[in-house]
Amino acid sequence: MSTLIAAHLRIAPLTAAATVDPMALRHLLYAQCGPGNGVEHIRVRAGPHGADIIAFIDGNDPEKANELLRQIVEKAIAATTPLHFWRVV
């Protein structure tokens, strides 16, 4: 039996001038999710020093859930020019 696991990470810009729209980032992250990967929900909260991302992932292993979220975020950063100067912190 699987459950929903909350995975969390934070991204931050390498330059102080960079900002991100939380809804736009959420849509970019969903675009990187493949079918059947278990991502149920993604939430983004942006602040002056970065963005917190929480994903609820169907599964049993918190480590795998966190790794899946990291992969999704890193793909979104690589695929989106305005995010090229952002990193997982």
PDB file of N, CA and C in Angstrom:
ATOM      1  N   MET A   1       0.836  -1.173   0.000  1.00  0.00           N
ATOM      2  CA  MET A   1       0.000   0.000   0.000  1.00  0.00           C
ATOM      3  C   MET A   1       0.884   1.241   0.000  1.00  0.00           C
ATOM      4  N   SER A   2       0.635   2.142  -0.924  1.00  0.00           N
ATOM      5  CA  SER A   2       1.427   3.367  -0.967  1.00  0.00           C
ATOM      6  C   SER A   2       0.653   4.513  -0.327  1.00  0.00           C
ATOM      7  N   THR A   3       1.385   5.533   0.030  1.00  0.00           N
ATOM      8  CA  THR A   3       0.818   6.721   0.646  1.00  0.00           C
ATOM      9  C   THR A   3       1.380   7.955  -0.051  1.00  0.00           C
ATOM     10  N   LEU A   4       0.857   9.106   0.287  1.00  0.00           N
ATOM     11  CA  LEU A   4       1.430  10.340  -0.231  1.00  0.00           C
ATOM     12  C   LEU A   4       2.549  10.790   0.692  1.00  0.00           C
ATOM     13  N   ILE A   5       3.688  11.069   0.093  1.00  0.00           N
ATOM     14  CA  ILE A   5       4.855  11.530   0.834  1.00  0.00           C
ATOM     15  C   ILE A   5       5.116  12.970   0.434  1.00  0.00           C
ATOM     16  N   ALA A   6       5.334  13.830   1.412  1.00  0.00           N
ATOM     17  CA  ALA A   6       5.670  15.227   1.131  1.00  0.00           C
ATOM     18  C   ALA A   6       7.180  15.338   0.954  1.00  0.00           C
ATOM     19  N   ALA A   7       7.584  15.810  -0.217  1.00  0.00           N
ATOM     20  CA  ALA A   7       8.994  16.068  -0.496  1.00  0.00           C
ATOM     21  C   ALA A   7       9.172  17.578  -0.573  1.00  0.00           C
ATOM     22  N   HIS A   8      10.273  18.080  -0.028  1.00  0.00           N
ATOM     23  CA  HIS A   8      10.497  19.524   0.024  1.00  0.00           C
ATOM     24  C   HIS A   8      11.919  19.850  -0.397  1.00  0.00           C
ATOM     25  N   LEU A   9      12.062  20.949  -1.117  1.00  0.00           N
ATOM     26  CA  LEU A   9      13.381  21.515  -1.351  1.00  0.00           C
ATOM     27  C   LEU A   9      13.245  22.998  -1.610  1.00  0.00           C
ATOM     28  N   ARG A  10      14.371  23.677  -1.568  1.00  0.00           N
ATOM     29  CA  ARG A  10      14.404  25.126  -1.779  1.00  0.00           C
ATOM     30  C   ARG A  10      15.351  25.421  -2.924  1.00  0.00           C
ATOM     31  N   ILE A  11      14.946  26.365  -3.766  1.00  0.00           N
ATOM     32  CA  ILE A  11      15.836  26.860  -4.801  1.00  0.00           C
ATOM     33  C   ILE A  11      16.074  28.338  -4.537  1.00  0.00           C
ATOM     34  N   ALA A  12      17.233  28.813  -4.964  1.00  0.00           N
ATOM     35  CA  ALA A  12      17.573  30.217  -4.775  1.00  0.00           C
ATOM     36  C   ALA A  12      18.370  30.694  -5.975  1.00  0.00           C
ATOM     37  N   PRO A  13      18.254  31.974  -6.275  1.00  0.00           N
ATOM     38  CA  PRO A  13      19.004  32.524  -7.401  1.00  0.00           C
ATOM     39  C   PRO A  13      20.459  32.772  -7.024  1.00  0.00           C
ATOM     40  N   LEU A  14      21.338  32.697  -8.023  1.00  0.00           N
ATOM     41  CA  LEU A  14      22.741  33.013  -7.797  1.00  0.00           C
ATOM     42  C   LEU A  14      22.962  34.524  -7.794  1.00  0.00           C
ATOM     43  N   THR A  15      21.993  35.267  -8.334  1.00  0.00           N
ATOM     44  CA  THR A  15      22.076  36.725  -8.350  1.00  0.00           C
ATOM     45  C   THR A  15      20.908  37.287  -7.548  1.00  0.00           C
ATOM     46  N   ALA A  16      21.146  38.365  -6.854  1.00  0.00           N
ATOM     47  CA  ALA A  16      20.122  38.939  -5.990  1.00  0.00           C
ATOM     48  C   ALA A  16      18.944  39.516  -6.774  1.00  0.00           C
ATOM     49  N   ALA A  17      19.144  39.870  -8.027  1.00  0.00           N
ATOM     50  CA  ALA A  17      18.095  40.523  -8.813  1.00  0.00           C
ATOM     51  C   ALA A  17      17.056  39.552  -9.370  1.00  0.00           C
ATOM     52  N   ALA A  18      17.313  38.258  -9.310  1.00  0.00           N
ATOM     53  CA  ALA A  18      16.409  37.275  -9.903  1.00  0.00           C
ATOM     54  C   ALA A  18      15.177  37.059  -9.030  1.00  0.00           C
ATOM     55  N   THR A  19      14.019  37.003  -9.671  1.00  0.00           N
ATOM     56  CA  THR A  19      12.769  36.680  -8.974  1.00  0.00           C
ATOM     57  C   THR A  19      12.050  35.599  -9.774  1.00  0.00           C
ATOM     58  N   VAL A  20      11.080  34.985  -9.149  1.00  0.00           N
ATOM     59  CA  VAL A  20      10.311  33.949  -9.830  1.00  0.00           C
ATOM     60  C   VAL A  20       8.851  34.080  -9.418  1.00  0.00           C
ATOM     61  N   ASP A  21       7.969  33.915 -10.394  1.00  0.00           N
ATOM     62  CA  ASP A  21       6.539  33.903 -10.131  1.00  0.00           C
ATOM     63  C   ASP A  21       6.161  32.494  -9.667  1.00  0.00           C
ATOM     64  N   PRO A  22       5.583  32.341  -8.475  1.00  0.00           N
ATOM     65  CA  PRO A  22       5.288  31.001  -7.956  1.00  0.00           C
ATOM     66  C   PRO A  22       4.381  30.171  -8.871  1.00  0.00           C
ATOM     67  N   MET A  23       3.363  30.786  -9.448  1.00  0.00           N
ATOM     68  CA  MET A  23       2.459  30.027 -10.323  1.00  0.00           C
ATOM     69  C   MET A  23       3.164  29.603 -11.609  1.00  0.00           C
ATOM     70  N   ALA A  24       3.984  30.477 -12.160  1.00  0.00           N
ATOM     71  CA  ALA A  24       4.728  30.128 -13.372  1.00  0.00           C
ATOM     72  C   ALA A  24       5.691  28.981 -13.081  1.00  0.00           C
ATOM     73  N   LEU A  25       6.371  29.041 -11.936  1.00  0.00           N
ATOM     74  CA  LEU A  25       7.291  27.962 -11.570  1.00  0.00           C
ATOM     75  C   LEU A  25       6.532  26.662 -11.374  1.00  0.00           C
ATOM     76  N   ARG A  26       5.394  26.738 -10.749  1.00  0.00           N
ATOM     77  CA  ARG A  26       4.575  25.527 -10.543  1.00  0.00           C
ATOM     78  C   ARG A  26       4.221  24.883 -11.881  1.00  0.00           C
ATOM     79  N   HIS A  27       3.822  25.700 -12.850  1.00  0.00           N
ATOM     80  CA  HIS A  27       3.486  25.167 -14.178  1.00  0.00           C
ATOM     81  C   HIS A  27       4.718  24.570 -14.864  1.00  0.00           C
ATOM     82  N   LEU A  28       5.869  25.214 -14.710  1.00  0.00           N
ATOM     83  CA  LEU A  28       7.101  24.671 -15.286  1.00  0.00           C
ATOM     84  C   LEU A  28       7.455  23.324 -14.670  1.00  0.00           C
ATOM     85  N   LEU A  29       7.236  23.189 -13.378  1.00  0.00           N
ATOM     86  CA  LEU A  29       7.537  21.924 -12.706  1.00  0.00           C
ATOM     87  C   LEU A  29       6.588  20.820 -13.163  1.00  0.00           C
ATOM     88  N   TYR A  30       5.302  21.140 -13.259  1.00  0.00           N
ATOM     89  CA  TYR A  30       4.349  20.136 -13.746  1.00  0.00           C
ATOM     90  C   TYR A  30       4.701  19.690 -15.162  1.00  0.00           C
ATOM     91  N   ALA A  31       5.229  20.604 -15.979  1.00  0.00           N
ATOM     92  CA  ALA A  31       5.591  20.267 -17.354  1.00  0.00           C
ATOM     93  C   ALA A  31       6.721  19.240 -17.404  1.00  0.00           C
ATOM     94  N   GLN A  32       7.501  19.150 -16.344  1.00  0.00           N
ATOM     95  CA  GLN A  32       8.610  18.192 -16.302  1.00  0.00           C
ATOM     96  C   GLN A  32       8.207  16.830 -15.744  1.00  0.00           C
ATOM     97  N   CYS A  33       6.996  16.711 -15.248  1.00  0.00           N
ATOM     98  CA  CYS A  33       6.519  15.450 -14.669  1.00  0.00           C
ATOM     99  C   CYS A  33       6.078  14.508 -15.779  1.00  0.00           C
ATOM    100  N   GLY A  34       6.601  13.318 -15.737  1.00  0.00           N
ATOM    101  CA  GLY A  34       6.191  12.312 -16.704  1.00  0.00           C
ATOM    102  C   GLY A  34       4.946  11.581 -16.235  1.00  0.00           C
ATOM    103  N   PRO A  35       4.274  10.928 -17.162  1.00  0.00           N
ATOM    104  CA  PRO A  35       3.087  10.167 -16.771  1.00  0.00           C
ATOM    105  C   PRO A  35       3.472   9.020 -15.839  1.00  0.00           C
ATOM    106  N   GLY A  36       2.671   8.846 -14.821  1.00  0.00           N
ATOM    107  CA  GLY A  36       2.889   7.732 -13.912  1.00  0.00           C
ATOM    108  C   GLY A  36       4.050   7.893 -12.954  1.00  0.00           C
ATOM    109  N   ASN A  37       4.614   9.107 -12.807  1.00  0.00           N
ATOM    110  CA  ASN A  37       5.746   9.253 -11.894  1.00  0.00           C
ATOM    111  C   ASN A  37       5.317   9.422 -10.437  1.00  0.00           C
ATOM    112  N   GLY A  38       4.016   9.545 -10.198  1.00  0.00           N
ATOM    113  CA  GLY A  38       3.517   9.591  -8.830  1.00  0.00           C
ATOM    114  C   GLY A  38       3.328  10.974  -8.249  1.00  0.00           C
ATOM    115  N   VAL A  39       3.650  12.017  -8.988  1.00  0.00           N
ATOM    116  CA  VAL A  39       3.467  13.367  -8.462  1.00  0.00           C
ATOM    117  C   VAL A  39       1.983  13.691  -8.456  1.00  0.00           C
ATOM    118  N   GLU A  40       1.455  13.974  -7.274  1.00  0.00           N
ATOM    119  CA  GLU A  40       0.035  14.278  -7.127  1.00  0.00           C
ATOM    120  C   GLU A  40      -0.215  15.778  -7.062  1.00  0.00           C
ATOM    121  N   HIS A  41       0.608  16.491  -6.317  1.00  0.00           N
ATOM    122  CA  HIS A  41       0.417  17.933  -6.133  1.00  0.00           C
ATOM    123  C   HIS A  41       1.780  18.601  -6.025  1.00  0.00           C
ATOM    124  N   ILE A  42       1.883  19.831  -6.518  1.00  0.00           N
ATOM    125  CA  ILE A  42       3.083  20.649  -6.335  1.00  0.00           C
ATOM    126  C   ILE A  42       2.626  22.012  -5.839  1.00  0.00           C
ATOM    127  N   ARG A  43       3.305  22.510  -4.825  1.00  0.00           N
ATOM    128  CA  ARG A  43       3.039  23.839  -4.305  1.00  0.00           C
ATOM    129  C   ARG A  43       4.354  24.610  -4.257  1.00  0.00           C
ATOM    130  N   VAL A  44       4.287  25.901  -4.559  1.00  0.00           N
ATOM    131  CA  VAL A  44       5.472  26.751  -4.548  1.00  0.00           C
ATOM    132  C   VAL A  44       5.179  27.989  -3.714  1.00  0.00           C
ATOM    133  N   ARG A  45       6.112  28.320  -2.834  1.00  0.00           N
ATOM    134  CA  ARG A  45       6.023  29.560  -2.065  1.00  0.00           C
ATOM    135  C   ARG A  45       7.317  30.320  -2.308  1.00  0.00           C
ATOM    136  N   ALA A  46       7.200  31.478  -2.947  1.00  0.00           N
ATOM    137  CA  ALA A  46       8.376  32.282  -3.279  1.00  0.00           C
ATOM    138  C   ALA A  46       8.524  33.425  -2.293  1.00  0.00           C
ATOM    139  N   GLY A  47       9.763  33.736  -1.975  1.00  0.00           N
ATOM    140  CA  GLY A  47      10.072  34.849  -1.100  1.00  0.00           C
ATOM    141  C   GLY A  47      11.254  35.619  -1.651  1.00  0.00           C
ATOM    142  N   PRO A  48      11.761  36.546  -0.880  1.00  0.00           N
ATOM    143  CA  PRO A  48      12.842  37.397  -1.378  1.00  0.00           C
ATOM    144  C   PRO A  48      14.174  36.667  -1.579  1.00  0.00           C
ATOM    145  N   HIS A  49      14.329  35.500  -0.971  1.00  0.00           N
ATOM    146  CA  HIS A  49      15.606  34.796  -1.059  1.00  0.00           C
ATOM    147  C   HIS A  49      15.527  33.457  -1.771  1.00  0.00           C
ATOM    148  N   GLY A  50      14.388  33.171  -2.411  1.00  0.00           N
ATOM    149  CA  GLY A  50      14.262  31.912  -3.119  1.00  0.00           C
ATOM    150  C   GLY A  50      12.842  31.407  -3.132  1.00  0.00           C
ATOM    151  N   ALA A  51      12.706  30.129  -3.393  1.00  0.00           N
ATOM    152  CA  ALA A  51      11.382  29.517  -3.453  1.00  0.00           C
ATOM    153  C   ALA A  51      11.422  28.152  -2.780  1.00  0.00           C
ATOM    154  N   ASP A  52      10.413  27.894  -1.968  1.00  0.00           N
ATOM    155  CA  ASP A  52      10.227  26.573  -1.365  1.00  0.00           C
ATOM    156  C   ASP A  52       9.259  25.802  -2.237  1.00  0.00           C
ATOM    157  N   ILE A  53       9.610  24.553  -2.522  1.00  0.00           N
ATOM    158  CA  ILE A  53       8.785  23.697  -3.367  1.00  0.00           C
ATOM    159  C   ILE A  53       8.422  22.455  -2.562  1.00  0.00           C
ATOM    160  N   ILE A  54       7.150  22.177  -2.513  1.00  0.00           N
ATOM    161  CA  ILE A  54       6.668  20.965  -1.847  1.00  0.00           C
ATOM    162  C   ILE A  54       5.875  20.167  -2.869  1.00  0.00           C
ATOM    163  N   ALA A  55       6.188  18.894  -2.962  1.00  0.00           N
ATOM    164  CA  ALA A  55       5.451  18.000  -3.854  1.00  0.00           C
ATOM    165  C   ALA A  55       4.931  16.837  -3.021  1.00  0.00           C
ATOM    166  N   PHE A  56       3.722  16.461  -3.287  1.00  0.00           N
ATOM    167  CA  PHE A  56       3.138  15.282  -2.657  1.00  0.00           C
ATOM    168  C   PHE A  56       3.210  14.165  -3.689  1.00  0.00           C
ATOM    169  N   ILE A  57       3.936  13.116  -3.321  1.00  0.00           N
ATOM    170  CA  ILE A  57       4.272  12.051  -4.266  1.00  0.00           C
ATOM    171  C   ILE A  57       3.745  10.729  -3.736  1.00  0.00           C
ATOM    172  N   ASP A  58       3.081   9.994  -4.612  1.00  0.00           N
ATOM    173  CA  ASP A  58       2.532   8.685  -4.275  1.00  0.00           C
ATOM    174  C   ASP A  58       3.685   7.690  -4.180  1.00  0.00           C
ATOM    175  N   GLY A  59       3.880   7.112  -3.014  1.00  0.00           N
ATOM    176  CA  GLY A  59       4.961   6.143  -2.848  1.00  0.00           C
ATOM    177  C   GLY A  59       5.149   5.760  -1.403  1.00  0.00           C
ATOM    178  N   ASN A  60       6.190   4.979  -1.169  1.00  0.00           N
ATOM    179  CA  ASN A  60       6.486   4.493   0.177  1.00  0.00           C
ATOM    180  C   ASN A  60       7.860   4.915   0.684  1.00  0.00           C
ATOM    181  N   ASP A  61       8.674   5.508  -0.181  1.00  0.00           N
ATOM    182  CA  ASP A  61      10.063   5.784   0.168  1.00  0.00           C
ATOM    183  C   ASP A  61      10.339   7.287   0.134  1.00  0.00           C
ATOM    184  N   PRO A  62      10.527   7.916   1.304  1.00  0.00           N
ATOM    185  CA  PRO A  62      10.795   9.358   1.337  1.00  0.00           C
ATOM    186  C   PRO A  62      12.048   9.769   0.562  1.00  0.00           C
ATOM    187  N   GLU A  63      13.079   8.930   0.582  1.00  0.00           N
ATOM    188  CA  GLU A  63      14.313   9.258  -0.153  1.00  0.00           C
ATOM    189  C   GLU A  63      14.054   9.298  -1.656  1.00  0.00           C
ATOM    190  N   LYS A  64      13.298   8.336  -2.163  1.00  0.00           N
ATOM    191  CA  LYS A  64      12.961   8.323  -3.588  1.00  0.00           C
ATOM    192  C   LYS A  64      12.080   9.516  -3.954  1.00  0.00           C
ATOM    193  N   ALA A  65      11.173   9.882  -3.060  1.00  0.00           N
ATOM    194  CA  ALA A  65      10.304  11.035  -3.312  1.00  0.00           C
ATOM    195  C   ALA A  65      11.132  12.317  -3.400  1.00  0.00           C
ATOM    196  N   ASN A  66      12.063  12.491  -2.478  1.00  0.00           N
ATOM    197  CA  ASN A  66      12.926  13.663  -2.511  1.00  0.00           C
ATOM    198  C   ASN A  66      13.810  13.683  -3.752  1.00  0.00           C
ATOM    199  N   GLU A  67      14.318  12.541  -4.150  1.00  0.00           N
ATOM    200  CA  GLU A  67      15.144  12.464  -5.358  1.00  0.00           C
ATOM    201  C   GLU A  67      14.322  12.774  -6.600  1.00  0.00           C
ATOM    202  N   LEU A  68      13.099  12.278  -6.657  1.00  0.00           N
ATOM    203  CA  LEU A  68      12.226  12.574  -7.794  1.00  0.00           C
ATOM    204  C   LEU A  68      11.960  14.071  -7.889  1.00  0.00           C
ATOM    205  N   LEU A  69      11.670  14.717  -6.765  1.00  0.00           N
ATOM    206  CA  LEU A  69      11.437  16.158  -6.785  1.00  0.00           C
ATOM    207  C   LEU A  69      12.686  16.895  -7.240  1.00  0.00           C
ATOM    208  N   ARG A  70      13.839  16.496  -6.762  1.00  0.00           N
ATOM    209  CA  ARG A  70      15.096  17.131  -7.183  1.00  0.00           C
ATOM    210  C   ARG A  70      15.286  16.998  -8.691  1.00  0.00           C
ATOM    211  N   GLN A  71      15.025  15.829  -9.241  1.00  0.00           N
ATOM    212  CA  GLN A  71      15.167  15.622 -10.688  1.00  0.00           C
ATOM    213  C   GLN A  71      14.219  16.524 -11.471  1.00  0.00           C
ATOM    214  N   ILE A  72      12.991  16.634 -11.016  1.00  0.00           N
ATOM    215  CA  ILE A  72      12.003  17.477 -11.684  1.00  0.00           C
ATOM    216  C   ILE A  72      12.461  18.934 -11.666  1.00  0.00           C
ATOM    217  N   VAL A  73      12.914  19.400 -10.511  1.00  0.00           N
ATOM    218  CA  VAL A  73      13.353  20.791 -10.383  1.00  0.00           C
ATOM    219  C   VAL A  73      14.589  21.044 -11.242  1.00  0.00           C
ATOM    220  N   GLU A  74      15.546  20.141 -11.220  1.00  0.00           N
ATOM    221  CA  GLU A  74      16.753  20.334 -12.013  1.00  0.00           C
ATOM    222  C   GLU A  74      16.451  20.342 -13.514  1.00  0.00           C
ATOM    223  N   LYS A  75      15.500  19.518 -13.958  1.00  0.00           N
ATOM    224  CA  LYS A  75      15.077  19.545 -15.364  1.00  0.00           C
ATOM    225  C   LYS A  75      14.441  20.885 -15.707  1.00  0.00           C
ATOM    226  N   ALA A  76      13.599  21.389 -14.814  1.00  0.00           N
ATOM    227  CA  ALA A  76      12.937  22.679 -15.056  1.00  0.00           C
ATOM    228  C   ALA A  76      13.962  23.803 -15.124  1.00  0.00           C
ATOM    229  N   ILE A  77      14.952  23.788 -14.248  1.00  0.00           N
ATOM    230  CA  ILE A  77      15.998  24.809 -14.272  1.00  0.00           C
ATOM    231  C   ILE A  77      16.775  24.737 -15.583  1.00  0.00           C
ATOM    232  N   ALA A  78      17.135  23.534 -16.005  1.00  0.00           N
ATOM    233  CA  ALA A  78      17.911  23.375 -17.235  1.00  0.00           C
ATOM    234  C   ALA A  78      17.117  23.756 -18.486  1.00  0.00           C
ATOM    235  N   ALA A  79      15.807  23.562 -18.450  1.00  0.00           N
ATOM    236  CA  ALA A  79      14.979  23.791 -19.635  1.00  0.00           C
ATOM    237  C   ALA A  79      14.422  25.207 -19.734  1.00  0.00           C
ATOM    238  N   THR A  80      14.645  26.041 -18.722  1.00  0.00           N
ATOM    239  CA  THR A  80      14.015  27.353 -18.659  1.00  0.00           C
ATOM    240  C   THR A  80      15.080  28.430 -18.515  1.00  0.00           C
ATOM    241  N   THR A  81      15.275  29.215 -19.565  1.00  0.00           N
ATOM    242  CA  THR A  81      16.327  30.231 -19.567  1.00  0.00           C
ATOM    243  C   THR A  81      16.295  31.147 -18.351  1.00  0.00           C
ATOM    244  N   PRO A  82      15.141  31.702 -17.938  1.00  0.00           N
ATOM    245  CA  PRO A  82      15.162  32.584 -16.764  1.00  0.00           C
ATOM    246  C   PRO A  82      15.567  31.888 -15.460  1.00  0.00           C
ATOM    247  N   LEU A  83      15.541  30.567 -15.441  1.00  0.00           N
ATOM    248  CA  LEU A  83      15.929  29.832 -14.229  1.00  0.00           C
ATOM    249  C   LEU A  83      17.372  29.336 -14.256  1.00  0.00           C
ATOM    250  N   HIS A  84      18.111  29.601 -15.326  1.00  0.00           N
ATOM    251  CA  HIS A  84      19.471  29.073 -15.441  1.00  0.00           C
ATOM    252  C   HIS A  84      20.377  29.515 -14.298  1.00  0.00           C
ATOM    253  N   PHE A  85      20.066  30.627 -13.657  1.00  0.00           N
ATOM    254  CA  PHE A  85      20.889  31.099 -12.546  1.00  0.00           C
ATOM    255  C   PHE A  85      20.296  30.747 -11.182  1.00  0.00           C
ATOM    256  N   TRP A  86      19.426  29.754 -11.156  1.00  0.00           N
ATOM    257  CA  TRP A  86      18.841  29.268  -9.908  1.00  0.00           C
ATOM    258  C   TRP A  86      19.448  27.901  -9.604  1.00  0.00           C
ATOM    259  N   ARG A  87      19.548  27.574  -8.324  1.00  0.00           N
ATOM    260  CA  ARG A  87      20.090  26.283  -7.897  1.00  0.00           C
ATOM    261  C   ARG A  87      19.314  25.750  -6.706  1.00  0.00           C
ATOM    262  N   VAL A  88      19.331  24.430  -6.557  1.00  0.00           N
ATOM    263  CA  VAL A  88      18.799  23.781  -5.366  1.00  0.00           C
ATOM    264  C   VAL A  88      19.773  24.076  -4.238  1.00  0.00           C
ATOM    265  N   VAL A  89      19.245  24.540  -3.113  1.00  0.00           N
ATOM    266  CA  VAL A  89      20.113  24.847  -1.960  1.00  0.00           C
ATOM    267  C   VAL A  89      19.759  23.980  -0.778  1.00  0.00           C
TER     268      VAL A  89
END
